[in-house]
């Protein structure tokens, strides 16, 4: 039998700053778990949310939609969102093809190393 794709969410909360790290594959099957966890974390009204995608090996358009909605929510609720880009080409393709890699608040690769 095939094993399900690896998918993990971890978070670190330091006061009003939250860092969420996503590993593995984020797609139509796994993005609802991420959405639920982000809703729980955002209920505590952070001032800054970092979503670290550096270990994300694959993402599809459902993940892209989640990131766009998260950016819209940050702007509406007036908190800061920072996205750390994936190191894997298969996870960044959808971002590059749609222009989301420049439209969304991604940290530069140099900044990502310090996150």
C-alpha atoms as a PDB file:
ATOM      1  CA  UNK A   1       0.000   0.000   0.000  1.00  0.00           C
ATOM      2  CA  UNK A   2       1.050   3.570  -0.601  1.00  0.00           C
ATOM      3  CA  UNK A   3       1.798   5.697   2.436  1.00  0.00           C
ATOM      4  CA  UNK A   4      -0.009   9.039   2.662  1.00  0.00           C
ATOM      5  CA  UNK A   5       2.173  12.031   1.809  1.00  0.00           C
ATOM      6  CA  UNK A   6       4.107  13.473   4.717  1.00  0.00           C
ATOM      7  CA  UNK A   7       2.479  16.596   6.122  1.00  0.00           C
ATOM      8  CA  UNK A   8       3.295  18.325   9.387  1.00  0.00           C
ATOM      9  CA  UNK A   9       2.436  21.627  11.010  1.00  0.00           C
ATOM     10  CA  UNK A  10       4.373  22.991  13.963  1.00  0.00           C
ATOM     11  CA  UNK A  11       4.174  26.346  15.624  1.00  0.00           C
ATOM     12  CA  UNK A  12       6.095  28.548  17.985  1.00  0.00           C
ATOM     13  CA  UNK A  13       4.391  31.333  19.897  1.00  0.00           C
ATOM     14  CA  UNK A  14       6.399  34.132  21.483  1.00  0.00           C
ATOM     15  CA  UNK A  15       4.026  36.726  22.857  1.00  0.00           C
ATOM     16  CA  UNK A  16       2.163  38.268  19.926  1.00  0.00           C
ATOM     17  CA  UNK A  17       4.499  36.669  17.354  1.00  0.00           C
ATOM     18  CA  UNK A  18       3.567  33.302  15.881  1.00  0.00           C
ATOM     19  CA  UNK A  19       5.686  31.174  13.539  1.00  0.00           C
ATOM     20  CA  UNK A  20       4.009  28.273  11.735  1.00  0.00           C
ATOM     21  CA  UNK A  21       6.266  25.780   9.960  1.00  0.00           C
ATOM     22  CA  UNK A  22       4.780  23.507   7.311  1.00  0.00           C
ATOM     23  CA  UNK A  23       6.595  20.404   6.069  1.00  0.00           C
ATOM     24  CA  UNK A  24       5.710  17.937   3.340  1.00  0.00           C
ATOM     25  CA  UNK A  25       2.884  18.294   0.840  1.00  0.00           C
ATOM     26  CA  UNK A  26       0.148  20.894   1.038  1.00  0.00           C
ATOM     27  CA  UNK A  27      -2.762  20.166  -1.262  1.00  0.00           C
ATOM     28  CA  UNK A  28      -6.539  19.807  -1.395  1.00  0.00           C
ATOM     29  CA  UNK A  29      -6.394  16.994   1.174  1.00  0.00           C
ATOM     30  CA  UNK A  30      -4.116  18.717   3.699  1.00  0.00           C
ATOM     31  CA  UNK A  31      -4.927  22.429   3.389  1.00  0.00           C
ATOM     32  CA  UNK A  32      -8.092  22.142   5.569  1.00  0.00           C
ATOM     33  CA  UNK A  33      -5.915  21.033   8.516  1.00  0.00           C
ATOM     34  CA  UNK A  34      -3.697  24.069   7.972  1.00  0.00           C
ATOM     35  CA  UNK A  35      -6.712  26.385   7.719  1.00  0.00           C
ATOM     36  CA  UNK A  36      -8.131  25.049  11.004  1.00  0.00           C
ATOM     37  CA  UNK A  37      -4.803  25.439  12.812  1.00  0.00           C
ATOM     38  CA  UNK A  38      -4.292  28.975  11.491  1.00  0.00           C
ATOM     39  CA  UNK A  39      -7.816  29.940  12.609  1.00  0.00           C
ATOM     40  CA  UNK A  40      -7.014  28.655  16.111  1.00  0.00           C
ATOM     41  CA  UNK A  41      -3.737  30.570  16.247  1.00  0.00           C
ATOM     42  CA  UNK A  42      -5.206  33.764  14.798  1.00  0.00           C
ATOM     43  CA  UNK A  43      -7.954  33.694  17.401  1.00  0.00           C
ATOM     44  CA  UNK A  44      -5.268  34.842  19.848  1.00  0.00           C
ATOM     45  CA  UNK A  45      -4.782  37.985  17.717  1.00  0.00           C
ATOM     46  CA  UNK A  46      -1.067  37.921  16.909  1.00  0.00           C
ATOM     47  CA  UNK A  47       0.683  41.043  15.684  1.00  0.00           C
ATOM     48  CA  UNK A  48       3.017  39.092  13.437  1.00  0.00           C
ATOM     49  CA  UNK A  49       2.583  35.720  11.737  1.00  0.00           C
ATOM     50  CA  UNK A  50       5.390  33.991   9.887  1.00  0.00           C
ATOM     51  CA  UNK A  51       4.503  30.985   7.745  1.00  0.00           C
ATOM     52  CA  UNK A  52       7.662  29.022   7.022  1.00  0.00           C
ATOM     53  CA  UNK A  53       7.275  26.992   3.842  1.00  0.00           C
ATOM     54  CA  UNK A  54      10.980  26.188   3.478  1.00  0.00           C
ATOM     55  CA  UNK A  55      10.443  22.437   3.981  1.00  0.00           C
ATOM     56  CA  UNK A  56       7.277  22.288   1.871  1.00  0.00           C
ATOM     57  CA  UNK A  57       7.954  19.807  -0.941  1.00  0.00           C
ATOM     58  CA  UNK A  58       4.734  20.327  -2.934  1.00  0.00           C
ATOM     59  CA  UNK A  59       1.833  22.747  -3.035  1.00  0.00           C
ATOM     60  CA  UNK A  60      -1.147  23.066  -5.331  1.00  0.00           C
ATOM     61  CA  UNK A  61      -3.629  25.843  -6.073  1.00  0.00           C
ATOM     62  CA  UNK A  62      -5.618  25.146  -2.887  1.00  0.00           C
ATOM     63  CA  UNK A  63      -2.549  26.137  -0.878  1.00  0.00           C
ATOM     64  CA  UNK A  64      -2.111  29.217  -3.038  1.00  0.00           C
ATOM     65  CA  UNK A  65      -5.706  30.199  -2.286  1.00  0.00           C
ATOM     66  CA  UNK A  66      -5.072  29.703   1.444  1.00  0.00           C
ATOM     67  CA  UNK A  67      -2.020  31.998   1.293  1.00  0.00           C
ATOM     68  CA  UNK A  68      -3.974  34.673  -0.598  1.00  0.00           C
ATOM     69  CA  UNK A  69      -6.802  34.531   1.949  1.00  0.00           C
ATOM     70  CA  UNK A  70      -4.265  34.750   4.780  1.00  0.00           C
ATOM     71  CA  UNK A  71      -2.714  37.845   3.193  1.00  0.00           C
ATOM     72  CA  UNK A  72      -6.152  39.438   2.788  1.00  0.00           C
ATOM     73  CA  UNK A  73      -6.953  38.651   6.421  1.00  0.00           C
ATOM     74  CA  UNK A  74      -3.685  40.203   7.612  1.00  0.00           C
ATOM     75  CA  UNK A  75      -4.412  43.403   5.702  1.00  0.00           C
ATOM     76  CA  UNK A  76      -8.014  43.546   6.911  1.00  0.00           C
ATOM     77  CA  UNK A  77      -7.209  42.806  10.560  1.00  0.00           C
ATOM     78  CA  UNK A  78      -4.014  44.905  10.501  1.00  0.00           C
ATOM     79  CA  UNK A  79      -1.377  42.391  11.518  1.00  0.00           C
ATOM     80  CA  UNK A  80       1.828  41.476   9.712  1.00  0.00           C
ATOM     81  CA  UNK A  81       2.216  38.363   7.573  1.00  0.00           C
ATOM     82  CA  UNK A  82       5.584  37.093   6.391  1.00  0.00           C
ATOM     83  CA  UNK A  83       5.996  34.032   4.200  1.00  0.00           C
ATOM     84  CA  UNK A  84       9.260  32.112   4.002  1.00  0.00           C
ATOM     85  CA  UNK A  85       9.603  30.515   0.563  1.00  0.00           C
ATOM     86  CA  UNK A  86      10.058  26.823  -0.031  1.00  0.00           C
ATOM     87  CA  UNK A  87      13.458  25.495  -1.031  1.00  0.00           C
ATOM     88  CA  UNK A  88      11.781  22.963  -3.356  1.00  0.00           C
ATOM     89  CA  UNK A  89      10.997  23.775  -6.989  1.00  0.00           C
ATOM     90  CA  UNK A  90       7.893  21.569  -6.978  1.00  0.00           C
ATOM     91  CA  UNK A  91       6.433  23.736  -4.205  1.00  0.00           C
ATOM     92  CA  UNK A  92       7.262  27.100  -5.783  1.00  0.00           C
ATOM     93  CA  UNK A  93       6.086  26.450  -9.335  1.00  0.00           C
ATOM     94  CA  UNK A  94       2.459  27.467  -8.701  1.00  0.00           C
ATOM     95  CA  UNK A  95       3.643  30.667  -7.003  1.00  0.00           C
ATOM     96  CA  UNK A  96       5.984  31.607  -9.837  1.00  0.00           C
ATOM     97  CA  UNK A  97       3.499  30.804 -12.611  1.00  0.00           C
ATOM     98  CA  UNK A  98       0.768  32.932 -11.022  1.00  0.00           C
ATOM     99  CA  UNK A  99       2.974  35.827  -9.904  1.00  0.00           C
ATOM    100  CA  UNK A 100       2.113  35.142  -6.265  1.00  0.00           C
ATOM    101  CA  UNK A 101       5.838  34.865  -5.498  1.00  0.00           C
ATOM    102  CA  UNK A 102       6.054  38.653  -5.891  1.00  0.00           C
ATOM    103  CA  UNK A 103       2.486  39.625  -4.960  1.00  0.00           C
ATOM    104  CA  UNK A 104       2.506  37.937  -1.544  1.00  0.00           C
ATOM    105  CA  UNK A 105       4.759  39.042   1.354  1.00  0.00           C
ATOM    106  CA  UNK A 106       7.599  36.565   0.894  1.00  0.00           C
ATOM    107  CA  UNK A 107      10.864  37.096   2.711  1.00  0.00           C
ATOM    108  CA  UNK A 108      13.906  37.119   0.484  1.00  0.00           C
ATOM    109  CA  UNK A 109      15.942  33.899   0.447  1.00  0.00           C
ATOM    110  CA  UNK A 110      18.640  35.675   2.480  1.00  0.00           C
ATOM    111  CA  UNK A 111      16.119  36.668   5.164  1.00  0.00           C
ATOM    112  CA  UNK A 112      14.672  33.140   5.214  1.00  0.00           C
ATOM    113  CA  UNK A 113      17.870  31.746   6.691  1.00  0.00           C
ATOM    114  CA  UNK A 114      17.417  33.840   9.813  1.00  0.00           C
ATOM    115  CA  UNK A 115      13.821  32.744  10.378  1.00  0.00           C
END
